[in-house]
Protein backbone atom coordinates (compact mmCIF):
# COMPACT_ATOMS: atom_id res chain seq x y z
CA UNK A 1 93.85 88.61 14.69
CA UNK A 2 92.12 86.18 17.03
CA UNK A 3 92.85 86.62 20.77
CA UNK A 4 94.71 83.81 22.50
CA UNK A 5 93.60 84.35 26.11
CA UNK A 6 91.98 81.58 28.16
CA UNK A 7 88.40 82.70 29.03
CA UNK A 8 88.23 80.28 31.95
CA UNK A 9 91.46 81.39 33.61
CA UNK A 10 90.58 83.40 36.75
CA UNK A 11 93.71 84.47 38.59
CA UNK A 12 91.97 87.34 40.35
CA UNK A 13 88.68 87.23 42.18
CA UNK A 14 86.16 89.54 40.57
CA UNK A 15 83.33 91.37 42.28
CA UNK A 16 79.71 91.38 41.32
CA UNK A 17 77.04 93.64 42.75
CA UNK A 18 73.26 93.30 42.58
CA UNK A 19 71.72 95.11 39.62
CA UNK A 20 68.67 97.36 39.90
CA UNK A 21 65.95 98.13 37.37
CA UNK A 22 62.39 99.38 37.25
CA UNK A 23 60.77 98.20 34.02
CA UNK A 24 61.82 94.60 33.66
CA UNK A 25 64.48 92.04 34.36
CA UNK A 26 65.53 88.60 33.08
CA UNK A 27 68.20 86.47 34.76
CA UNK A 28 69.54 83.29 33.20
CA UNK A 29 72.67 81.19 32.84
CA UNK A 30 73.31 82.40 29.28
CA UNK A 31 73.50 85.97 27.86
CA UNK A 32 71.56 85.06 24.70
CA UNK A 33 68.64 83.76 26.74
CA UNK A 34 68.51 86.81 28.98
CA UNK A 35 68.70 88.99 25.87
CA UNK A 36 65.84 87.06 24.26
CA UNK A 37 63.67 87.66 27.30
CA UNK A 38 64.54 91.36 27.29
CA UNK A 39 63.67 91.63 23.59
CA UNK A 40 60.20 90.31 24.34
CA UNK A 41 59.76 92.67 27.29
CA UNK A 42 60.77 95.64 25.15
CA UNK A 43 58.25 94.63 22.50
CA UNK A 44 55.37 94.76 24.99
CA UNK A 45 55.45 91.28 26.46
CA UNK A 46 55.27 90.50 30.16
CA UNK A 47 57.40 88.37 32.48
CA UNK A 48 55.73 85.15 31.32
CA UNK A 49 56.46 85.94 27.67
CA UNK A 50 60.03 86.77 28.63
CA UNK A 51 60.49 83.44 30.41
CA UNK A 52 59.17 81.49 27.41
CA UNK A 53 61.50 83.42 25.09
CA UNK A 54 64.47 82.80 27.37
CA UNK A 55 63.60 79.14 27.97
CA UNK A 56 63.24 78.36 24.27
CA UNK A 57 66.51 80.18 23.55
CA UNK A 58 68.29 78.12 26.19
CA UNK A 59 67.47 74.95 24.21
CA UNK A 60 69.55 76.53 21.42
CA UNK A 61 72.32 78.30 23.30
CA UNK A 62 72.79 75.84 26.17
CA UNK A 63 71.92 72.39 24.76
CA UNK A 64 74.43 70.91 27.20
CA UNK A 65 71.74 71.08 29.90
CA UNK A 66 68.30 71.23 28.29
CA UNK A 67 66.51 70.85 25.00
CA UNK A 68 63.26 70.37 23.13
CA UNK A 69 62.82 67.00 24.83
CA UNK A 70 63.14 68.43 28.34
CA UNK A 71 60.77 68.86 31.30
CA UNK A 72 59.88 72.12 33.05
CA UNK A 73 58.39 73.52 36.28
CA UNK A 74 57.28 77.09 36.94
CA UNK A 75 56.02 79.31 39.76
CA UNK A 76 54.17 82.40 38.53
CA UNK A 77 53.14 85.40 40.59
CA UNK A 78 50.23 87.00 38.74
CA UNK A 79 49.96 90.54 40.00
CA UNK A 80 46.43 91.24 38.76
CA UNK A 81 45.06 88.19 40.55
CA UNK A 82 47.45 88.58 43.49
CA UNK A 83 48.08 84.84 43.38
CA UNK A 84 51.01 82.43 43.07
CA UNK A 85 50.43 79.64 40.53
CA UNK A 86 52.42 76.45 40.02
CA UNK A 87 52.91 74.51 36.79
CA UNK A 88 54.24 70.96 36.75
CA UNK A 89 55.19 70.13 33.18
CA UNK A 90 57.17 66.97 33.88
CA UNK A 91 56.35 64.01 31.70
CA UNK A 92 55.46 60.49 32.85
CA UNK A 93 56.91 57.14 31.91
CA UNK A 94 55.49 55.81 28.63
CA UNK A 95 52.51 53.49 29.00
CA UNK A 96 54.56 50.64 27.52
CA UNK A 97 57.32 51.08 30.13
CA UNK A 98 57.25 48.79 33.14
CA UNK A 99 59.84 47.07 35.28
CA UNK A 100 58.80 43.73 33.81
CA UNK A 101 59.20 44.97 30.24
CA UNK A 102 62.58 46.58 30.96
CA UNK A 103 63.98 43.55 32.80
CA UNK A 104 62.61 41.00 30.32
CA UNK A 105 64.20 42.72 27.34
CA UNK A 106 67.57 43.20 29.02
CA UNK A 107 67.35 46.97 28.65
CA UNK A 108 68.31 47.53 32.29
CA UNK A 109 71.79 48.21 33.66
CA UNK A 110 72.31 45.31 36.07
CA UNK A 111 68.93 45.66 37.73
CA UNK A 112 68.89 49.46 37.57
CA UNK A 113 67.49 51.94 35.12
CA UNK A 114 70.10 52.85 32.49
CA UNK A 115 71.06 56.50 31.99
CA UNK A 116 71.48 56.49 28.21
CA UNK A 117 69.49 55.22 25.26
CA UNK A 118 65.75 54.94 24.71
CA UNK A 119 64.87 53.14 27.98
CA UNK A 120 65.06 56.17 30.36
CA UNK A 121 63.21 58.48 27.94
CA UNK A 122 60.01 59.91 29.40
CA UNK A 123 57.37 62.12 27.79
CA UNK A 124 58.87 65.60 27.13
CA UNK A 125 56.97 68.36 28.91
CA UNK A 126 58.88 71.63 28.43
CA UNK A 127 57.47 72.53 25.01
CA UNK A 128 53.92 72.06 26.31
CA UNK A 129 54.83 74.31 29.27
CA UNK A 130 55.64 77.13 26.84
CA UNK A 131 52.18 76.77 25.32
CA UNK A 132 50.41 76.63 28.70
CA UNK A 133 52.23 79.65 30.11
CA UNK A 134 51.74 81.78 27.00
CA UNK A 135 48.06 80.87 26.63
CA UNK A 136 47.15 81.50 30.26
CA UNK A 137 49.28 84.49 31.25
CA UNK A 138 51.17 85.83 28.23
CA UNK A 139 50.48 88.96 26.19
CA UNK A 140 52.21 87.75 23.03
CA UNK A 141 51.61 84.74 20.80
CA UNK A 142 53.81 81.68 21.16
CA UNK A 143 55.30 82.50 17.76
CA UNK A 144 56.36 85.93 18.98
CA UNK A 145 57.96 84.39 22.06
CA UNK A 146 59.87 81.76 20.06
CA UNK A 147 61.14 84.24 17.47
CA UNK A 148 64.44 85.08 19.23
CA UNK A 149 65.29 81.39 19.67
CA UNK A 150 64.56 80.73 16.00
CA UNK A 151 66.88 83.57 14.98
CA UNK A 152 69.70 82.35 17.21
CA UNK A 153 69.36 78.79 15.90
CA UNK A 154 69.23 79.82 12.24
CA UNK A 155 71.62 82.77 12.14
CA UNK A 156 74.07 81.53 14.77
CA UNK A 157 75.33 82.58 18.18
CA UNK A 158 78.70 82.79 19.91
CA UNK A 159 79.49 80.00 22.37
CA UNK A 160 80.27 81.16 25.92
CA UNK A 161 83.21 79.69 27.92
CA UNK A 162 81.46 77.38 30.38
CA UNK A 163 79.00 76.02 27.85
CA UNK A 164 81.91 75.28 25.51
CA UNK A 165 83.71 73.45 28.31
CA UNK A 166 80.62 71.39 29.17
CA UNK A 167 80.07 70.60 25.48
CA UNK A 168 83.65 69.39 25.10
CA UNK A 169 83.40 67.30 28.27
CA UNK A 170 80.18 65.71 27.02
CA UNK A 171 81.72 64.82 23.67
CA UNK A 172 84.76 63.28 25.35
CA UNK A 173 82.48 61.09 27.48
CA UNK A 174 80.02 60.23 24.70
CA UNK A 175 82.74 59.09 22.31
CA UNK A 176 83.34 56.20 24.71
CA UNK A 177 79.76 55.31 25.63
CA UNK A 178 77.38 56.30 22.81
CA UNK A 179 77.75 53.25 20.62
CA UNK A 180 75.17 52.12 18.12
CA UNK A 181 73.19 53.61 15.26
CA UNK A 182 70.54 55.07 17.59
CA UNK A 183 73.08 57.63 18.82
CA UNK A 184 74.30 58.74 15.38
CA UNK A 185 71.95 61.72 15.29
CA UNK A 186 73.50 63.15 18.46
CA UNK A 187 76.90 63.37 16.78
CA UNK A 188 75.31 64.69 13.56
CA UNK A 189 73.49 67.42 15.48
CA UNK A 190 75.90 68.47 18.21
CA UNK A 191 79.35 68.06 16.69
CA UNK A 192 80.89 70.11 13.91
CA UNK A 193 83.50 68.37 11.84
CA UNK A 194 83.50 65.75 14.57
CA UNK A 195 84.38 68.26 17.28
CA UNK A 196 82.61 70.26 19.98
CA UNK A 197 82.65 74.06 19.67
CA UNK A 198 85.16 76.20 21.52
CA UNK A 199 84.49 79.46 23.35
CA UNK A 200 83.88 82.18 20.79
CA UNK A 201 82.92 79.80 17.99
CA UNK A 202 79.82 80.66 15.97
CA UNK A 203 77.26 77.85 16.11
CA UNK A 204 74.21 77.38 13.91
CA UNK A 205 71.54 74.73 14.51
CA UNK A 206 69.36 74.76 11.37
CA UNK A 207 67.36 71.62 12.23
CA UNK A 208 66.58 73.11 15.63
CA UNK A 209 65.44 76.33 13.93
CA UNK A 210 63.12 74.42 11.61
CA UNK A 211 61.59 72.55 14.55
CA UNK A 212 61.07 75.73 16.58
CA UNK A 213 59.43 77.34 13.55
CA UNK A 214 57.10 74.37 13.19
CA UNK A 215 56.25 74.50 16.90
CA UNK A 216 55.46 78.20 16.55
CA UNK A 217 53.24 77.66 13.50
CA UNK A 218 51.29 74.78 15.10
CA UNK A 219 51.18 76.09 18.68
CA UNK A 220 53.35 73.06 19.67
CA UNK A 221 50.86 70.54 18.19
CA UNK A 222 53.47 69.27 15.72
CA UNK A 223 55.32 67.65 18.63
CA UNK A 224 52.38 66.17 20.49
CA UNK A 225 49.92 65.41 17.68
CA UNK A 226 51.68 65.91 14.34
CA UNK A 227 54.70 65.07 12.26
CA UNK A 228 57.33 65.48 14.98
CA UNK A 229 55.40 63.07 17.18
CA UNK A 230 55.28 60.62 14.26
CA UNK A 231 59.07 60.82 13.90
CA UNK A 232 59.59 60.22 17.62
CA UNK A 233 57.27 57.20 17.49
CA UNK A 234 59.08 55.71 14.49
CA UNK A 235 62.53 56.14 16.03
CA UNK A 236 61.40 54.69 19.36
CA UNK A 237 59.91 51.60 17.71
CA UNK A 238 62.97 51.21 15.49
CA UNK A 239 65.34 51.01 18.45
CA UNK A 240 63.16 49.19 20.96
CA UNK A 241 62.07 52.24 22.97
CA UNK A 242 58.83 52.48 24.92
CA UNK A 243 57.70 56.00 24.00
CA UNK A 244 54.75 56.18 21.58
CA UNK A 245 52.84 58.96 19.88
CA UNK A 246 49.85 58.03 22.03
CA UNK A 247 51.90 59.03 25.09
CA UNK A 248 52.55 62.42 23.52
CA UNK A 249 48.90 62.87 22.57
CA UNK A 250 47.73 62.06 26.09
CA UNK A 251 50.13 64.43 27.83
CA UNK A 252 48.85 67.45 29.76
CA UNK A 253 50.85 69.65 32.17
CA UNK A 254 49.31 70.08 35.61
CA UNK A 255 48.49 73.36 37.31
CA UNK A 256 49.28 72.74 40.97
CA UNK A 257 49.01 74.55 44.28
CA UNK A 258 52.49 75.52 45.49
CA UNK A 259 53.64 74.08 48.80
CA UNK A 260 55.20 76.40 51.36
CA UNK A 261 56.68 76.75 54.82
CA UNK A 262 57.04 79.78 57.04
CA UNK A 263 60.71 80.47 57.62
CA UNK A 264 61.19 83.32 60.08
CA UNK A 265 58.28 85.29 58.65
CA UNK A 266 59.02 84.54 54.99
CA UNK A 267 56.93 82.08 53.02
CA UNK A 268 59.24 79.85 50.97
CA UNK A 269 57.30 78.30 48.10
CA UNK A 270 58.04 75.28 45.91
CA UNK A 271 56.30 72.93 43.46
CA UNK A 272 54.83 69.88 45.27
CA UNK A 273 55.96 66.30 44.56
CA UNK A 274 56.87 64.67 42.27
CA UNK A 275 59.43 67.50 42.51
CA UNK A 276 62.09 67.55 45.21
CA UNK A 277 61.32 71.13 46.28
CA UNK A 278 59.83 69.57 49.40
CA UNK A 279 63.40 68.65 50.46
CA UNK A 280 64.31 72.33 50.76
CA UNK A 281 61.10 73.05 52.66
CA UNK A 282 61.59 70.14 55.07
CA UNK A 283 65.14 71.30 55.81
CA UNK A 284 63.97 74.89 56.43
CA UNK A 285 61.14 73.55 58.60
CA UNK A 286 63.86 71.96 60.76
CA UNK A 287 66.27 74.91 60.70
CA UNK A 288 63.58 77.30 61.93
CA UNK A 289 63.98 75.63 65.34
CA UNK A 290 67.53 77.00 65.62
CA UNK A 291 68.99 80.49 65.74
CA UNK A 292 71.62 80.98 63.04
CA UNK A 293 73.80 83.96 63.89
CA UNK A 294 76.88 83.69 61.67
CA UNK A 295 76.93 82.48 58.04
CA UNK A 296 80.55 81.32 58.36
CA UNK A 297 80.30 79.48 61.68
CA UNK A 298 80.69 75.75 62.07
CA UNK A 299 77.38 75.68 63.99
CA UNK A 300 75.46 77.18 61.05
CA UNK A 301 76.99 74.87 58.44
CA UNK A 302 76.63 71.80 60.67
CA UNK A 303 72.93 72.49 61.29
CA UNK A 304 72.28 73.14 57.60
CA UNK A 305 74.02 69.93 56.56
CA UNK A 306 72.23 67.81 59.16
CA UNK A 307 68.83 69.32 58.34
CA UNK A 308 69.35 68.56 54.67
CA UNK A 309 70.45 65.01 55.42
CA UNK A 310 67.26 64.44 57.40
CA UNK A 311 65.14 65.97 54.63
CA UNK A 312 66.77 63.78 51.99
CA UNK A 313 66.32 60.67 54.16
CA UNK A 314 62.58 61.31 54.27
CA UNK A 315 62.26 62.44 50.65
CA UNK A 316 64.28 59.66 49.02
CA UNK A 317 62.11 57.17 50.89
CA UNK A 318 58.77 58.81 50.07
CA UNK A 319 58.80 61.32 47.21
CA UNK A 320 57.51 60.26 43.83
CA UNK A 321 54.32 60.85 41.86
CA UNK A 322 51.80 61.83 44.58
CA UNK A 323 49.34 59.05 43.68
CA UNK A 324 52.01 56.50 44.60
CA UNK A 325 53.55 58.14 47.69
CA UNK A 326 53.48 56.13 50.95
CA UNK A 327 52.67 59.30 52.96
CA UNK A 328 50.71 62.50 52.41
CA UNK A 329 53.40 65.00 51.47
CA UNK A 330 51.63 67.73 53.45
CA UNK A 331 52.42 65.75 56.62
CA UNK A 332 56.15 66.08 55.92
CA UNK A 333 55.82 69.87 56.24
CA UNK A 334 53.96 70.06 59.53
CA UNK A 335 55.67 72.50 61.94
CA UNK A 336 55.58 69.92 64.74
CA UNK A 337 57.25 67.35 62.48
CA UNK A 338 60.01 69.84 61.71
CA UNK A 339 60.45 70.39 65.44
CA UNK A 340 60.55 66.64 66.04
CA UNK A 341 63.22 66.12 63.40
CA UNK A 342 65.20 69.09 64.77
CA UNK A 343 65.40 67.17 68.03
CA UNK A 344 67.29 64.41 66.22
CA UNK A 345 70.24 66.74 65.53
CA UNK A 346 73.21 66.66 67.88
CA UNK A 347 76.60 68.34 67.70
CA UNK A 348 77.97 65.35 65.77
CA UNK A 349 77.43 64.32 62.15
CA UNK A 350 74.98 61.43 61.89
CA UNK A 351 73.51 59.02 59.37
CA UNK A 352 69.75 59.55 59.34
CA UNK A 353 66.96 57.22 58.29
CA UNK A 354 63.46 58.20 57.30
CA UNK A 355 60.58 58.56 59.71
CA UNK A 356 56.83 58.53 59.26
CA UNK A 357 55.34 61.95 60.04
CA UNK A 358 52.19 62.29 62.13
CA UNK A 359 49.06 62.32 60.01
CA UNK A 360 47.61 65.65 58.87
CA UNK A 361 74.11 68.77 34.61
CA UNK A 362 69.39 71.89 34.19
CA UNK A 363 68.77 75.56 33.38
CA UNK A 364 67.13 78.00 35.77
CA UNK A 365 65.86 81.46 34.92
CA UNK A 366 63.57 84.09 36.37
CA UNK A 367 61.91 87.25 35.15
CA UNK A 368 59.91 90.22 36.39
CA UNK A 369 58.06 93.02 34.64
CA UNK A 370 56.84 96.53 35.40
CA UNK A 371 53.29 95.27 36.02
CA UNK A 372 54.44 93.26 39.05
CA UNK A 373 54.37 89.78 37.46
CA UNK A 374 57.26 87.50 38.42
CA UNK A 375 58.21 84.02 37.20
CA UNK A 376 60.52 81.34 38.56
CA UNK A 377 61.23 78.75 35.86
CA UNK A 378 63.41 75.66 35.46
CA UNK A 379 63.95 73.31 32.52
CA UNK A 380 66.11 70.21 32.18
CA UNK A 381 67.21 67.20 30.14
CA UNK A 382 68.29 65.77 33.55
CA UNK A 383 71.93 64.82 32.91
CA UNK A 384 73.74 66.92 30.34
CA UNK A 385 72.34 66.37 26.86
CA UNK A 386 69.94 63.79 28.32
CA UNK A 387 69.54 60.26 26.98
CA UNK A 388 71.91 60.75 24.04
CA UNK A 389 68.92 60.19 21.77
CA UNK A 390 68.29 62.88 19.18
CA UNK A 391 65.52 62.58 16.61
CA UNK A 392 67.29 62.94 13.23
CA UNK A 393 66.97 66.26 11.40
CA UNK A 394 64.91 67.87 14.21
CA UNK A 395 67.33 68.96 16.93
CA UNK A 396 65.06 67.24 19.49
CA UNK A 397 67.31 65.81 22.24
CA UNK A 398 65.26 63.58 24.54
CA UNK A 399 65.70 63.68 28.30
CA UNK A 400 66.71 60.70 30.47
CA UNK A 401 64.54 61.55 33.49
CA UNK A 402 63.38 57.94 33.69
CA UNK A 403 66.83 56.91 34.90
CA UNK A 404 65.74 58.07 38.36
CA UNK A 405 63.04 55.38 38.49
CA UNK A 406 63.68 52.24 40.52
CA UNK A 407 63.18 48.66 39.29
CA UNK A 408 62.65 47.49 42.90
CA UNK A 409 58.91 47.10 43.66
CA UNK A 410 59.45 48.02 47.33
CA UNK A 411 60.76 51.51 46.45
CA UNK A 412 58.40 54.50 46.32
CA UNK A 413 59.95 55.52 43.03
CA UNK A 414 59.31 52.12 41.42
CA UNK A 415 58.52 52.59 37.74
CA UNK A 416 54.92 52.18 36.60
CA UNK A 417 53.37 53.04 33.23
CA UNK A 418 52.19 56.64 33.22
CA UNK A 419 53.95 57.48 36.48
CA UNK A 420 56.16 60.55 36.98
CA UNK A 421 59.56 59.98 38.58
CA UNK A 422 61.08 61.76 41.58
CA UNK A 423 62.10 64.98 39.89
CA UNK A 424 65.18 67.00 40.78
CA UNK A 425 64.34 70.32 39.08
CA UNK A 426 62.73 72.89 41.36
CA UNK A 427 61.88 76.59 40.99
CA UNK A 428 61.67 78.62 44.20
CA UNK A 429 59.70 81.70 45.22
CA UNK A 430 59.73 83.88 48.34
CA UNK A 431 56.79 85.78 49.81
CA UNK A 432 56.18 87.82 52.95
CA UNK A 433 52.86 88.90 54.44
CA UNK A 434 51.07 87.53 51.40
CA UNK A 435 53.09 89.63 48.96
CA UNK A 436 55.85 88.54 46.59
CA UNK A 437 59.48 89.01 47.51
CA UNK A 438 60.66 87.31 44.35
CA UNK A 439 61.80 84.24 42.43
CA UNK A 440 65.00 82.31 43.07
CA UNK A 441 66.52 79.00 42.10
CA UNK A 442 69.72 76.96 41.99
CA UNK A 443 70.00 74.30 39.31
CA UNK A 444 72.05 71.12 39.54
CA UNK A 445 70.53 67.68 40.29
CA UNK A 446 70.43 66.81 43.98
CA UNK A 447 72.30 70.04 44.72
CA UNK A 448 69.16 72.04 44.00
CA UNK A 449 67.33 71.85 47.35
CA UNK A 450 70.67 72.28 49.09
CA UNK A 451 71.29 75.43 47.07
CA UNK A 452 67.80 76.68 47.88
CA UNK A 453 68.37 76.24 51.61
CA UNK A 454 71.74 78.00 51.52
CA UNK A 455 70.50 80.92 49.40
CA UNK A 456 67.32 81.39 51.48
CA UNK A 457 69.31 81.30 54.71
CA UNK A 458 71.83 83.81 53.33
CA UNK A 459 69.02 86.18 52.41
CA UNK A 460 66.69 85.70 55.40
CA UNK A 461 69.05 84.88 58.28
CA UNK A 462 71.99 87.05 57.31
CA UNK A 463 70.36 89.87 55.31
CA UNK A 464 72.60 89.39 52.27
CA UNK A 465 71.81 91.08 48.98
CA UNK A 466 70.80 88.75 46.11
CA UNK A 467 74.28 88.68 44.58
CA UNK A 468 76.02 87.89 47.87
CA UNK A 469 73.38 85.27 48.71
CA UNK A 470 74.41 83.45 45.52
CA UNK A 471 78.16 84.04 45.83
CA UNK A 472 78.71 82.51 49.29
CA UNK A 473 80.89 79.36 48.98
CA UNK A 474 78.61 76.32 49.01
CA UNK A 475 78.65 72.83 50.43
CA UNK A 476 76.95 69.78 48.97
CA UNK A 477 75.93 66.64 50.81
CA UNK A 478 76.58 63.67 48.54
CA UNK A 479 74.48 60.54 48.58
CA UNK A 480 77.51 58.44 49.56
CA UNK A 481 77.65 60.38 52.85
CA UNK A 482 80.50 62.76 52.05
CA UNK A 483 80.13 66.53 52.12
CA UNK A 484 81.79 68.34 49.22
CA UNK A 485 82.88 71.96 49.59
CA UNK A 486 84.12 74.42 47.00
CA UNK A 487 87.81 75.20 46.73
CA UNK A 488 87.22 78.71 48.09
CA UNK A 489 85.36 77.37 51.13
CA UNK A 490 87.21 78.47 54.29
CA UNK A 491 89.79 75.74 55.12
CA UNK A 492 89.43 76.41 58.84
CA UNK A 493 85.69 75.89 58.60
CA UNK A 494 86.27 72.66 56.67
CA UNK A 495 88.53 71.38 59.45
CA UNK A 496 85.98 72.33 62.11
CA UNK A 497 83.25 70.44 60.24
CA UNK A 498 85.55 67.42 59.97
CA UNK A 499 86.03 67.53 63.72
CA UNK A 500 82.22 67.26 64.06
CA UNK A 501 82.35 63.99 62.11
CA UNK A 502 81.60 65.24 58.60
CA UNK A 503 83.55 63.57 55.80
CA UNK A 504 84.66 66.73 53.99
CA UNK A 505 86.07 66.67 50.45
CA UNK A 506 87.28 69.70 48.53
CA UNK A 507 86.33 69.58 44.85
CA UNK A 508 87.33 71.62 41.83
CA UNK A 509 84.35 71.64 39.39
CA UNK A 510 82.36 74.72 40.43
CA UNK A 511 79.45 73.64 38.24
CA UNK A 512 78.63 70.78 40.59
CA UNK A 513 77.60 73.29 43.28
CA UNK A 514 74.68 74.61 41.25
CA UNK A 515 73.99 77.72 39.25
CA UNK A 516 71.47 80.18 40.60
CA UNK A 517 69.54 83.36 39.88
CA UNK A 518 67.48 85.65 42.13
CA UNK A 519 65.21 88.69 41.80
CA UNK A 520 63.59 90.61 44.67
CA UNK A 521 61.12 93.49 44.45
CA UNK A 522 61.03 96.58 46.64
CA UNK A 523 57.81 98.29 47.77
CA UNK A 524 58.39 101.06 45.20
CA UNK A 525 58.46 98.51 42.35
CA UNK A 526 62.23 98.58 41.88
CA UNK A 527 63.78 95.19 41.13
CA UNK A 528 67.14 93.97 42.45
CA UNK A 529 68.82 90.86 41.12
CA UNK A 530 71.84 88.61 41.49
CA UNK A 531 73.20 86.15 38.95
CA UNK A 532 75.42 83.10 39.18
CA UNK A 533 79.15 83.83 39.22
CA UNK A 534 80.00 80.15 38.66
CA UNK A 535 78.96 80.17 35.01
CA UNK A 536 78.21 82.47 32.04
CA UNK A 537 75.18 84.06 33.69
CA UNK A 538 73.75 87.39 32.71
CA UNK A 539 71.09 89.87 33.86
CA UNK A 540 69.23 91.78 31.16
CA UNK A 541 67.18 94.71 32.43
CA UNK A 542 65.84 98.15 31.57
């Protein structure tokens, strides 16, 4: 008989402890993805191969947050070279996309970029990231790394509780807003008998399997130069989109130098703009001016909130594709600028505006191997399934990253052809004395830098283990000025923050507070990891 229990009902708080391993470890938001990474490690692959296997599997097993039309960023510690590398595989706006074109055709949403349809679709970068990572640092072929994802898509996998819930929520919303023939393929691909899957259902995605197989056989060229690119071009032209095959052909991920700040002796590393990792670094650059002695004190939370508000004020004014930024992003990370901004904080909540410094719904996963290589990786369709556009018979769901562009010429993030938008997805990495501590990340839109700050502070300031650093109840500053806290956030602390002038709201959806993973390495090579308790996360290790 089939069980009748509710997998999301949690009457009793459970406990999680950090896991330890020596030979390899993969942490992700979905058990199938972690398992895929472990399979590759066991077959002789390294941490980079494991990340590609897990990332490609996540497009199958967690399509509610990423897909074959997604973007990706990565930070890679290469042990042999003793160097941290950064990969920015976010795609730009199509060359045919401009504010004038969008406004003249009426494809905007009342003067703003729409969130659904072909207009916010940008060039997909994640698939090209898999190729770049495998070619430069992997030990396996791309085909070997995609094999687990292909098997899951073709043979089927069991849906986990939180992914099922997110899938059902997406369908409920899309039934009301995805109108028109261009959205038909989404329903054909991601509904089964007109319904979303439930926890425990077996799901097969045969079109997705065929596409992954084709990507493996052509080393991803089918998407950027071949028949899949032709299909994307035809569908875009058919429905008035701006994306063309020439945009796909021209696309190249960028290897970048990670940006970093020193936070109490630890180097916290992020991908530079157009990513918003600089928000976390700016906030930490401010917080370093204060002594944080108690993770549950009103002083600690108040300072963290205010530092993040200042960082967002600067970033939302300035951060975009670096060629179009009004300031040099390095200037935003100067220690003296952090000290200056720290001086703006009082014991009351404030509304901050930007300053000019002195001149000078995403999936996150991480992996480590026995050789010492470690990878911090993030991949996203931006909001849920993305734009709602799926290329028929391919499983390719296209992202809606372009919805973050502005149509106002005075904004830093004003859309231009070939420009990359302000990007919310950010992988993190910690180092100390020039050596790796390990990868970490917290997915979830504008929550991500806030999650990074809270997790780093928990680990560095309060000496928490990786699991506890992730489990601490979180807050989230919202762009309307309110500060949301989780239901399990201490009510007394909430009241104390309100008395400081913060507009505190208690919210129920735990997913809105981000989903994180973390691995740290000891001097003896042993790995310790924590995984997100707010979703279906899993650590696979040996």
